[in-house]
N, C-alpha and C. Protein backbone atom coordinates (compact mmCIF):
# COMPACT_ATOMS: atom_id res chain seq x y z
N VAL A 1 19.80 -28.61 0.87
CA VAL A 1 20.38 -28.77 -0.45
C VAL A 1 21.36 -27.62 -0.64
N LEU A 2 22.64 -27.96 -0.61
CA LEU A 2 23.68 -26.94 -0.76
C LEU A 2 24.45 -27.19 -2.04
N GLY A 3 25.13 -26.16 -2.52
CA GLY A 3 25.87 -26.29 -3.76
C GLY A 3 27.33 -25.91 -3.61
N ILE A 4 28.10 -26.35 -4.59
CA ILE A 4 29.53 -26.04 -4.59
C ILE A 4 29.77 -24.58 -4.95
N ASP A 5 28.73 -23.92 -5.47
CA ASP A 5 28.89 -22.57 -5.98
C ASP A 5 27.50 -21.99 -6.23
N THR A 6 27.46 -20.75 -6.63
CA THR A 6 26.20 -20.16 -7.05
C THR A 6 25.88 -20.64 -8.47
N ASP A 7 24.62 -20.68 -8.82
CA ASP A 7 24.16 -21.10 -10.15
C ASP A 7 24.63 -22.49 -10.54
N VAL A 8 24.65 -23.40 -9.57
CA VAL A 8 25.06 -24.78 -9.85
C VAL A 8 23.85 -25.69 -10.07
N GLY A 9 22.66 -25.19 -9.73
CA GLY A 9 21.44 -25.97 -9.94
C GLY A 9 20.74 -26.39 -8.67
N LYS A 10 21.01 -25.71 -7.57
CA LYS A 10 20.36 -26.03 -6.29
C LYS A 10 18.84 -25.90 -6.37
N THR A 11 18.37 -24.88 -7.04
CA THR A 11 16.93 -24.62 -7.10
C THR A 11 16.21 -25.72 -7.86
N VAL A 12 16.74 -26.10 -9.00
CA VAL A 12 16.12 -27.18 -9.78
C VAL A 12 16.19 -28.48 -9.00
N ALA A 13 17.35 -28.77 -8.41
CA ALA A 13 17.50 -30.00 -7.62
C ALA A 13 16.51 -30.04 -6.47
N THR A 14 16.37 -28.94 -5.76
CA THR A 14 15.44 -28.88 -4.62
C THR A 14 14.01 -29.09 -5.09
N GLY A 15 13.63 -28.42 -6.16
CA GLY A 15 12.28 -28.58 -6.70
C GLY A 15 11.99 -30.00 -7.16
N LEU A 16 12.96 -30.61 -7.85
CA LEU A 16 12.77 -31.98 -8.33
C LEU A 16 12.72 -32.99 -7.17
N LEU A 17 13.55 -32.78 -6.16
CA LEU A 17 13.49 -33.64 -4.98
C LEU A 17 12.12 -33.54 -4.31
N ALA A 18 11.63 -32.31 -4.16
CA ALA A 18 10.32 -32.10 -3.53
C ALA A 18 9.22 -32.75 -4.36
N LYS A 19 9.29 -32.62 -5.68
CA LYS A 19 8.29 -33.22 -6.56
C LYS A 19 8.30 -34.74 -6.41
N SER A 20 9.48 -35.32 -6.35
CA SER A 20 9.61 -36.78 -6.20
C SER A 20 9.01 -37.25 -4.88
N VAL A 21 9.31 -36.54 -3.82
CA VAL A 21 8.79 -36.89 -2.49
C VAL A 21 7.27 -36.72 -2.48
N GLN A 22 6.81 -35.61 -3.03
CA GLN A 22 5.37 -35.32 -3.10
C GLN A 22 4.64 -36.42 -3.88
N ASP A 23 5.24 -36.88 -4.97
CA ASP A 23 4.62 -37.93 -5.78
C ASP A 23 4.52 -39.26 -5.04
N ASN A 24 5.25 -39.38 -3.93
CA ASN A 24 5.19 -40.58 -3.09
C ASN A 24 4.30 -40.35 -1.87
N SER A 25 3.39 -39.39 -1.99
CA SER A 25 2.38 -39.09 -0.97
C SER A 25 2.97 -38.65 0.37
N ILE A 26 4.11 -37.98 0.32
CA ILE A 26 4.71 -37.42 1.53
C ILE A 26 4.47 -35.92 1.49
N LYS A 27 3.98 -35.37 2.58
CA LYS A 27 3.69 -33.94 2.66
C LYS A 27 5.01 -33.19 2.81
N VAL A 28 5.42 -32.50 1.75
CA VAL A 28 6.72 -31.85 1.69
C VAL A 28 6.57 -30.37 1.36
N ILE A 29 7.51 -29.58 1.85
CA ILE A 29 7.60 -28.16 1.52
C ILE A 29 9.07 -27.82 1.35
N THR A 30 9.34 -26.85 0.52
CA THR A 30 10.71 -26.37 0.37
C THR A 30 10.84 -25.03 1.08
N GLN A 31 12.06 -24.77 1.51
CA GLN A 31 12.35 -23.49 2.16
C GLN A 31 13.67 -22.98 1.61
N LYS A 32 13.74 -21.72 1.31
CA LYS A 32 14.97 -21.06 0.89
C LYS A 32 15.46 -20.28 2.10
N ILE A 33 16.67 -20.55 2.54
CA ILE A 33 17.19 -19.93 3.76
C ILE A 33 17.25 -18.41 3.62
N VAL A 34 17.74 -17.94 2.49
CA VAL A 34 17.78 -16.51 2.20
C VAL A 34 17.83 -16.36 0.69
N GLN A 35 17.15 -15.33 0.17
CA GLN A 35 17.14 -15.07 -1.28
C GLN A 35 17.55 -13.64 -1.52
N THR A 36 18.48 -13.46 -2.43
CA THR A 36 18.86 -12.11 -2.83
C THR A 36 18.48 -11.91 -4.29
N GLY A 37 18.37 -10.67 -4.68
CA GLY A 37 18.07 -10.36 -6.07
C GLY A 37 16.60 -10.45 -6.44
N CYS A 38 15.73 -10.32 -5.46
CA CYS A 38 14.30 -10.32 -5.78
C CYS A 38 13.53 -9.57 -4.70
N GLU A 39 12.22 -9.46 -4.88
CA GLU A 39 11.37 -8.75 -3.93
C GLU A 39 10.13 -9.58 -3.63
N ASP A 40 9.56 -9.36 -2.48
CA ASP A 40 8.29 -9.95 -2.04
C ASP A 40 8.36 -11.45 -1.79
N ILE A 41 8.32 -12.27 -2.84
CA ILE A 41 8.36 -13.72 -2.69
C ILE A 41 9.60 -14.23 -3.41
N SER A 42 10.28 -15.17 -2.80
CA SER A 42 11.50 -15.74 -3.36
C SER A 42 11.27 -16.32 -4.75
N ASP A 43 12.12 -15.90 -5.70
CA ASP A 43 12.06 -16.45 -7.05
C ASP A 43 12.28 -17.96 -7.04
N ASP A 44 13.16 -18.41 -6.15
CA ASP A 44 13.45 -19.85 -6.08
C ASP A 44 12.26 -20.64 -5.54
N ILE A 45 11.56 -20.08 -4.57
CA ILE A 45 10.34 -20.74 -4.06
C ILE A 45 9.29 -20.82 -5.16
N VAL A 46 9.12 -19.76 -5.93
CA VAL A 46 8.19 -19.77 -7.05
C VAL A 46 8.57 -20.89 -8.02
N TYR A 47 9.86 -21.03 -8.29
CA TYR A 47 10.34 -22.06 -9.21
C TYR A 47 10.10 -23.46 -8.63
N HIS A 48 10.35 -23.62 -7.32
CA HIS A 48 10.05 -24.92 -6.67
C HIS A 48 8.59 -25.29 -6.87
N ARG A 49 7.68 -24.34 -6.61
CA ARG A 49 6.25 -24.62 -6.71
C ARG A 49 5.87 -24.99 -8.15
N ARG A 50 6.48 -24.31 -9.10
CA ARG A 50 6.20 -24.62 -10.51
C ARG A 50 6.63 -26.06 -10.82
N ILE A 51 7.82 -26.46 -10.37
CA ILE A 51 8.28 -27.83 -10.59
C ILE A 51 7.37 -28.82 -9.87
N MET A 52 6.94 -28.48 -8.67
CA MET A 52 6.08 -29.35 -7.89
C MET A 52 4.66 -29.42 -8.45
N GLY A 53 4.32 -28.45 -9.30
CA GLY A 53 2.98 -28.42 -9.89
C GLY A 53 1.92 -27.93 -8.94
N ILE A 54 2.32 -27.05 -8.01
CA ILE A 54 1.36 -26.50 -7.05
C ILE A 54 1.43 -24.98 -7.06
N GLU A 55 0.39 -24.37 -6.53
CA GLU A 55 0.35 -22.91 -6.37
C GLU A 55 1.19 -22.51 -5.16
N LEU A 56 1.50 -21.23 -5.08
CA LEU A 56 2.14 -20.72 -3.87
C LEU A 56 1.25 -21.03 -2.67
N THR A 57 1.86 -21.37 -1.56
CA THR A 57 1.11 -21.71 -0.36
C THR A 57 0.93 -20.49 0.54
N ASP A 58 0.07 -20.62 1.54
CA ASP A 58 -0.06 -19.56 2.54
C ASP A 58 1.27 -19.35 3.26
N ASP A 59 2.01 -20.45 3.48
CA ASP A 59 3.32 -20.34 4.13
C ASP A 59 4.28 -19.52 3.27
N ASP A 60 4.18 -19.65 1.95
CA ASP A 60 5.00 -18.84 1.04
C ASP A 60 4.64 -17.37 1.18
N ARG A 61 3.35 -17.09 1.18
CA ARG A 61 2.88 -15.70 1.24
C ARG A 61 3.19 -15.05 2.59
N ARG A 62 3.23 -15.87 3.65
CA ARG A 62 3.53 -15.35 4.99
C ARG A 62 5.03 -15.23 5.25
N GLY A 63 5.86 -15.68 4.30
CA GLY A 63 7.31 -15.55 4.44
C GLY A 63 7.98 -16.67 5.21
N LEU A 64 7.24 -17.71 5.56
CA LEU A 64 7.84 -18.82 6.31
C LEU A 64 8.81 -19.62 5.45
N THR A 65 8.56 -19.70 4.16
CA THR A 65 9.41 -20.51 3.30
C THR A 65 10.63 -19.75 2.79
N CYS A 66 10.71 -18.48 3.09
CA CYS A 66 11.92 -17.70 2.82
C CYS A 66 11.90 -16.50 3.75
N PRO A 67 12.50 -16.68 4.94
CA PRO A 67 12.41 -15.63 5.95
C PRO A 67 13.19 -14.36 5.63
N TYR A 68 14.12 -14.43 4.68
CA TYR A 68 14.90 -13.24 4.32
C TYR A 68 14.95 -13.10 2.81
N ILE A 69 14.46 -11.96 2.32
CA ILE A 69 14.49 -11.63 0.89
C ILE A 69 15.07 -10.23 0.75
N PHE A 70 16.07 -10.12 -0.12
CA PHE A 70 16.73 -8.83 -0.32
C PHE A 70 16.80 -8.50 -1.81
N LYS A 71 16.73 -7.22 -2.11
CA LYS A 71 16.68 -6.76 -3.50
C LYS A 71 18.00 -6.95 -4.26
N GLU A 72 19.10 -6.64 -3.63
CA GLU A 72 20.39 -6.65 -4.33
C GLU A 72 20.89 -8.08 -4.55
N PRO A 73 21.25 -8.43 -5.80
CA PRO A 73 21.76 -9.77 -6.08
C PRO A 73 23.24 -9.90 -5.71
N CYS A 74 23.48 -10.17 -4.44
CA CYS A 74 24.85 -10.30 -3.95
C CYS A 74 24.85 -11.24 -2.74
N SER A 75 25.97 -11.34 -2.09
CA SER A 75 26.09 -12.19 -0.92
C SER A 75 25.03 -11.81 0.12
N PRO A 76 24.44 -12.79 0.81
CA PRO A 76 23.37 -12.49 1.77
C PRO A 76 23.75 -11.44 2.81
N HIS A 77 24.96 -11.53 3.36
CA HIS A 77 25.33 -10.56 4.41
C HIS A 77 25.39 -9.14 3.85
N LEU A 78 25.88 -8.99 2.61
CA LEU A 78 25.97 -7.67 2.01
C LEU A 78 24.58 -7.16 1.62
N ALA A 79 23.75 -8.03 1.06
CA ALA A 79 22.39 -7.62 0.70
C ALA A 79 21.63 -7.15 1.93
N ALA A 80 21.80 -7.87 3.05
CA ALA A 80 21.15 -7.47 4.30
C ALA A 80 21.68 -6.12 4.77
N LYS A 81 23.00 -5.97 4.73
CA LYS A 81 23.63 -4.72 5.17
C LYS A 81 23.12 -3.53 4.35
N LEU A 82 22.96 -3.72 3.05
CA LEU A 82 22.48 -2.64 2.19
C LEU A 82 21.06 -2.21 2.54
N GLU A 83 20.31 -3.11 3.19
CA GLU A 83 18.94 -2.79 3.62
C GLU A 83 18.86 -2.58 5.13
N ASN A 84 20.01 -2.30 5.74
CA ASN A 84 20.09 -2.03 7.18
C ASN A 84 19.47 -3.15 8.02
N GLN A 85 19.74 -4.39 7.61
CA GLN A 85 19.26 -5.56 8.34
C GLN A 85 20.43 -6.48 8.68
N ILE A 86 20.18 -7.39 9.59
CA ILE A 86 21.12 -8.44 9.93
C ILE A 86 20.36 -9.75 9.86
N ILE A 87 20.94 -10.73 9.20
CA ILE A 87 20.32 -12.05 9.13
C ILE A 87 20.55 -12.75 10.46
N GLU A 88 19.46 -13.05 11.14
CA GLU A 88 19.50 -13.75 12.43
C GLU A 88 19.16 -15.21 12.19
N THR A 89 20.08 -16.09 12.49
CA THR A 89 19.84 -17.52 12.24
C THR A 89 18.70 -18.06 13.10
N ASP A 90 18.45 -17.45 14.24
CA ASP A 90 17.32 -17.88 15.07
C ASP A 90 15.99 -17.73 14.33
N LYS A 91 15.88 -16.69 13.53
CA LYS A 91 14.65 -16.48 12.75
C LYS A 91 14.51 -17.59 11.70
N ILE A 92 15.60 -17.96 11.06
CA ILE A 92 15.55 -19.04 10.07
C ILE A 92 15.13 -20.34 10.76
N THR A 93 15.74 -20.64 11.89
CA THR A 93 15.43 -21.86 12.63
C THR A 93 13.97 -21.88 13.06
N LYS A 94 13.49 -20.74 13.52
CA LYS A 94 12.10 -20.65 13.98
C LYS A 94 11.13 -20.96 12.84
N THR A 95 11.39 -20.40 11.65
CA THR A 95 10.48 -20.66 10.53
C THR A 95 10.58 -22.11 10.07
N THR A 96 11.78 -22.67 10.09
CA THR A 96 11.95 -24.09 9.73
C THR A 96 11.17 -24.97 10.70
N ASN A 97 11.28 -24.68 11.99
CA ASN A 97 10.55 -25.45 13.00
C ASN A 97 9.04 -25.36 12.80
N GLN A 98 8.56 -24.16 12.45
CA GLN A 98 7.12 -24.00 12.18
C GLN A 98 6.70 -24.88 11.01
N LEU A 99 7.51 -24.92 9.97
CA LEU A 99 7.19 -25.74 8.80
C LEU A 99 7.27 -27.23 9.15
N GLN A 100 8.23 -27.61 9.99
CA GLN A 100 8.36 -29.02 10.38
C GLN A 100 7.14 -29.50 11.16
N ASN A 101 6.45 -28.59 11.82
CA ASN A 101 5.24 -28.95 12.54
C ASN A 101 4.05 -29.19 11.61
N GLN A 102 4.15 -28.72 10.37
CA GLN A 102 3.04 -28.85 9.42
C GLN A 102 3.29 -29.87 8.31
N TYR A 103 4.55 -30.20 8.07
CA TYR A 103 4.91 -31.06 6.94
C TYR A 103 5.72 -32.26 7.43
N ASP A 104 5.68 -33.33 6.62
CA ASP A 104 6.49 -34.51 6.92
C ASP A 104 7.97 -34.26 6.65
N LEU A 105 8.24 -33.41 5.66
CA LEU A 105 9.62 -33.13 5.25
C LEU A 105 9.75 -31.69 4.81
N VAL A 106 10.82 -31.04 5.28
CA VAL A 106 11.17 -29.69 4.84
C VAL A 106 12.52 -29.79 4.15
N LEU A 107 12.58 -29.41 2.88
CA LEU A 107 13.84 -29.37 2.14
C LEU A 107 14.33 -27.93 2.11
N LEU A 108 15.48 -27.68 2.71
CA LEU A 108 16.04 -26.34 2.76
C LEU A 108 17.05 -26.16 1.64
N GLU A 109 16.92 -25.08 0.91
CA GLU A 109 17.89 -24.73 -0.12
C GLU A 109 18.77 -23.60 0.39
N GLY A 110 20.07 -23.81 0.27
CA GLY A 110 21.03 -22.78 0.66
C GLY A 110 21.12 -21.68 -0.38
N ALA A 111 22.08 -20.79 -0.17
CA ALA A 111 22.33 -19.68 -1.08
C ALA A 111 23.82 -19.68 -1.40
N GLY A 112 24.16 -19.65 -2.68
CA GLY A 112 25.57 -19.64 -3.05
C GLY A 112 26.27 -20.93 -2.66
N GLY A 113 27.54 -20.82 -2.30
CA GLY A 113 28.33 -21.97 -1.88
C GLY A 113 28.30 -22.14 -0.37
N LEU A 114 29.04 -23.12 0.12
CA LEU A 114 29.01 -23.47 1.53
C LEU A 114 29.46 -22.34 2.46
N HIS A 115 30.46 -21.60 2.05
CA HIS A 115 31.03 -20.59 2.94
C HIS A 115 30.44 -19.19 2.75
N VAL A 116 29.32 -19.09 2.05
CA VAL A 116 28.71 -17.79 1.86
C VAL A 116 28.34 -17.22 3.24
N PRO A 117 28.72 -15.96 3.50
CA PRO A 117 28.39 -15.38 4.80
C PRO A 117 26.92 -14.98 4.89
N LEU A 118 26.28 -15.43 5.97
CA LEU A 118 24.91 -14.99 6.25
C LEU A 118 24.95 -13.67 7.01
N SER A 119 25.97 -13.50 7.82
CA SER A 119 26.17 -12.27 8.58
C SER A 119 27.67 -12.15 8.85
N GLU A 120 28.03 -11.12 9.56
CA GLU A 120 29.44 -10.98 9.93
C GLU A 120 29.86 -12.03 10.95
N ARG A 121 28.86 -12.68 11.58
CA ARG A 121 29.13 -13.67 12.63
C ARG A 121 29.09 -15.12 12.16
N THR A 122 28.38 -15.40 11.08
CA THR A 122 28.20 -16.81 10.71
C THR A 122 28.06 -17.00 9.21
N SER A 123 28.47 -18.18 8.77
CA SER A 123 28.35 -18.56 7.35
C SER A 123 27.28 -19.65 7.23
N LEU A 124 26.93 -19.95 6.00
CA LEU A 124 25.93 -20.97 5.74
C LEU A 124 26.37 -22.32 6.31
N ILE A 125 27.62 -22.71 6.08
CA ILE A 125 28.09 -24.01 6.57
C ILE A 125 28.10 -24.07 8.09
N GLU A 126 28.41 -22.97 8.74
CA GLU A 126 28.38 -22.95 10.20
C GLU A 126 26.95 -23.13 10.71
N TYR A 127 26.00 -22.49 10.04
CA TYR A 127 24.60 -22.65 10.42
C TYR A 127 24.14 -24.09 10.25
N VAL A 128 24.47 -24.70 9.12
CA VAL A 128 24.07 -26.09 8.84
C VAL A 128 24.69 -27.03 9.87
N ALA A 129 25.96 -26.80 10.21
CA ALA A 129 26.63 -27.64 11.22
C ALA A 129 25.97 -27.48 12.58
N GLU A 130 25.65 -26.25 12.95
CA GLU A 130 24.99 -25.98 14.23
C GLU A 130 23.64 -26.69 14.32
N GLN A 131 22.91 -26.71 13.22
CA GLN A 131 21.58 -27.34 13.19
C GLN A 131 21.67 -28.86 13.01
N ARG A 132 22.84 -29.35 12.66
CA ARG A 132 23.07 -30.78 12.43
C ARG A 132 22.20 -31.33 11.29
N TYR A 133 22.04 -30.51 10.25
CA TYR A 133 21.29 -30.91 9.08
C TYR A 133 22.16 -31.80 8.19
N PRO A 134 21.62 -32.89 7.66
CA PRO A 134 22.34 -33.63 6.62
C PRO A 134 22.29 -32.82 5.32
N VAL A 135 23.26 -33.05 4.45
CA VAL A 135 23.38 -32.24 3.24
C VAL A 135 23.31 -33.09 1.98
N ILE A 136 22.58 -32.59 1.02
CA ILE A 136 22.67 -33.06 -0.36
C ILE A 136 23.46 -31.98 -1.08
N LEU A 137 24.60 -32.36 -1.63
CA LEU A 137 25.48 -31.40 -2.29
C LEU A 137 25.26 -31.43 -3.80
N VAL A 138 25.02 -30.26 -4.38
CA VAL A 138 24.84 -30.16 -5.83
C VAL A 138 26.17 -29.74 -6.44
N SER A 139 26.63 -30.55 -7.38
CA SER A 139 27.87 -30.30 -8.11
C SER A 139 27.53 -30.18 -9.59
N SER A 140 28.55 -30.01 -10.42
CA SER A 140 28.28 -29.86 -11.85
C SER A 140 29.47 -30.33 -12.67
N ASN A 141 29.30 -30.24 -13.97
CA ASN A 141 30.38 -30.60 -14.88
C ASN A 141 31.10 -29.38 -15.44
N LYS A 142 30.91 -28.23 -14.83
CA LYS A 142 31.61 -27.03 -15.29
C LYS A 142 33.09 -27.13 -14.95
N VAL A 143 33.92 -26.50 -15.73
CA VAL A 143 35.34 -26.45 -15.44
C VAL A 143 35.52 -25.82 -14.06
N GLY A 144 36.29 -26.46 -13.21
CA GLY A 144 36.50 -25.99 -11.84
C GLY A 144 35.68 -26.74 -10.81
N SER A 145 34.72 -27.53 -11.28
CA SER A 145 33.83 -28.19 -10.33
C SER A 145 34.53 -29.31 -9.55
N ILE A 146 35.54 -29.93 -10.11
CA ILE A 146 36.26 -30.97 -9.36
C ILE A 146 36.84 -30.36 -8.09
N ASN A 147 37.55 -29.28 -8.24
CA ASN A 147 38.15 -28.60 -7.09
C ASN A 147 37.09 -28.14 -6.10
N HIS A 148 36.05 -27.48 -6.60
CA HIS A 148 35.00 -26.97 -5.71
C HIS A 148 34.29 -28.11 -4.97
N THR A 149 34.07 -29.20 -5.66
CA THR A 149 33.37 -30.33 -5.04
C THR A 149 34.23 -30.98 -3.96
N ILE A 150 35.49 -31.22 -4.26
CA ILE A 150 36.38 -31.84 -3.26
C ILE A 150 36.54 -30.93 -2.05
N LEU A 151 36.72 -29.64 -2.29
CA LEU A 151 36.81 -28.70 -1.16
C LEU A 151 35.52 -28.69 -0.34
N SER A 152 34.38 -28.75 -1.01
CA SER A 152 33.09 -28.76 -0.31
C SER A 152 32.94 -30.03 0.52
N LEU A 153 33.33 -31.17 -0.05
CA LEU A 153 33.25 -32.43 0.69
C LEU A 153 34.17 -32.41 1.91
N GLU A 154 35.36 -31.86 1.76
CA GLU A 154 36.28 -31.74 2.90
C GLU A 154 35.72 -30.81 3.96
N ALA A 155 35.09 -29.72 3.54
CA ALA A 155 34.51 -28.77 4.50
C ALA A 155 33.38 -29.43 5.28
N LEU A 156 32.54 -30.20 4.60
CA LEU A 156 31.45 -30.90 5.29
C LEU A 156 32.01 -31.93 6.27
N ALA A 157 32.99 -32.70 5.84
CA ALA A 157 33.58 -33.74 6.69
C ALA A 157 34.27 -33.14 7.91
N SER A 158 34.97 -32.02 7.71
CA SER A 158 35.69 -31.42 8.85
C SER A 158 34.75 -30.90 9.92
N ARG A 159 33.51 -30.62 9.54
CA ARG A 159 32.51 -30.16 10.50
C ARG A 159 31.56 -31.28 10.92
N LYS A 160 31.88 -32.48 10.48
CA LYS A 160 31.08 -33.67 10.82
C LYS A 160 29.62 -33.53 10.38
N ILE A 161 29.44 -32.92 9.22
CA ILE A 161 28.11 -32.78 8.62
C ILE A 161 27.86 -34.01 7.76
N ASP A 162 26.75 -34.69 8.02
CA ASP A 162 26.41 -35.88 7.25
C ASP A 162 26.10 -35.53 5.80
N LEU A 163 26.72 -36.25 4.89
CA LEU A 163 26.45 -36.09 3.47
C LEU A 163 25.41 -37.13 3.07
N PHE A 164 24.24 -36.67 2.71
CA PHE A 164 23.15 -37.57 2.31
C PHE A 164 23.34 -38.04 0.87
N GLY A 165 23.94 -37.17 0.05
CA GLY A 165 24.18 -37.54 -1.34
C GLY A 165 24.72 -36.37 -2.13
N ILE A 166 25.13 -36.69 -3.37
CA ILE A 166 25.61 -35.67 -4.31
C ILE A 166 24.73 -35.73 -5.54
N ILE A 167 24.27 -34.58 -5.97
CA ILE A 167 23.55 -34.47 -7.24
C ILE A 167 24.52 -33.86 -8.24
N TYR A 168 24.75 -34.60 -9.31
CA TYR A 168 25.67 -34.16 -10.35
C TYR A 168 24.85 -33.54 -11.47
N ASN A 169 24.88 -32.23 -11.56
CA ASN A 169 24.09 -31.48 -12.52
C ASN A 169 24.88 -31.32 -13.81
N ARG A 170 24.33 -31.82 -14.88
CA ARG A 170 25.00 -31.74 -16.18
C ARG A 170 24.44 -30.57 -16.97
N PHE A 171 25.31 -29.62 -17.28
CA PHE A 171 24.93 -28.50 -18.14
C PHE A 171 25.21 -28.90 -19.58
N ASP A 172 24.29 -28.61 -20.48
CA ASP A 172 24.41 -29.06 -21.87
C ASP A 172 25.54 -28.40 -22.65
N ASP A 173 25.93 -27.21 -22.26
CA ASP A 173 26.88 -26.46 -23.08
C ASP A 173 28.34 -26.69 -22.65
N VAL A 174 28.61 -27.79 -21.97
CA VAL A 174 29.95 -28.06 -21.49
C VAL A 174 30.57 -29.19 -22.30
N ASN A 175 31.85 -29.15 -22.46
CA ASN A 175 32.63 -30.14 -23.18
C ASN A 175 32.38 -31.55 -22.64
N ALA A 176 32.03 -32.49 -23.50
CA ALA A 176 31.74 -33.87 -23.10
C ALA A 176 32.93 -34.53 -22.41
N MET A 177 34.14 -34.20 -22.83
CA MET A 177 35.33 -34.76 -22.21
C MET A 177 35.43 -34.33 -20.74
N VAL A 178 35.14 -33.06 -20.48
CA VAL A 178 35.17 -32.54 -19.10
C VAL A 178 34.11 -33.26 -18.27
N THR A 179 32.94 -33.45 -18.83
CA THR A 179 31.86 -34.13 -18.11
C THR A 179 32.27 -35.55 -17.74
N ARG A 180 32.78 -36.32 -18.69
CA ARG A 180 33.22 -37.69 -18.41
C ARG A 180 34.27 -37.73 -17.31
N ASP A 181 35.24 -36.83 -17.42
CA ASP A 181 36.34 -36.83 -16.45
C ASP A 181 35.86 -36.48 -15.06
N SER A 182 35.05 -35.44 -14.93
CA SER A 182 34.61 -35.03 -13.59
C SER A 182 33.70 -36.10 -12.96
N LYS A 183 32.89 -36.77 -13.77
CA LYS A 183 32.05 -37.87 -13.24
C LYS A 183 32.92 -39.00 -12.69
N GLU A 184 34.04 -39.28 -13.35
CA GLU A 184 34.94 -40.34 -12.89
C GLU A 184 35.59 -39.97 -11.56
N ILE A 185 35.87 -38.71 -11.35
CA ILE A 185 36.52 -38.26 -10.12
C ILE A 185 35.58 -38.41 -8.94
N PHE A 186 34.29 -38.09 -9.12
CA PHE A 186 33.34 -38.15 -8.03
C PHE A 186 32.88 -39.57 -7.82
């Protein structure tokens, strides 16, 4: 589950998708690729569990559902650098594979937008393309979302990343005219 930007609603979308799947008797878990701006356990994972109506799992406590957590609320590569770490995509893949062995479905939530750098060597979209993951793109009705959404769709298509769907997140405090117009574009 990737977004056109930060704070577009990826966490809520991921949690609601997991809840829906769970309600259909499918064993599902969510994973946050990297979380910045928190300590110990990912705030987004905690929010997913709350939406799903379950307690934190042993996998959450062991760090499998969020292999990288950094204190500074900034880009993942910078947050890692500030803590003298490097985000290794192999570690993310390894934890995802471990979860796939235990669950029917693993929903991965990205961080920020598609081109957010995970390290000096790779971005989120490059990692997703390498793994050949299909994407659910979260968009919104905020001013600027038409441009961000179209650019995101072009970026996914240019890397031959399968688009599973778009979630259009409606924020209540936005002009109704903007909402109608952006929905028509998508």
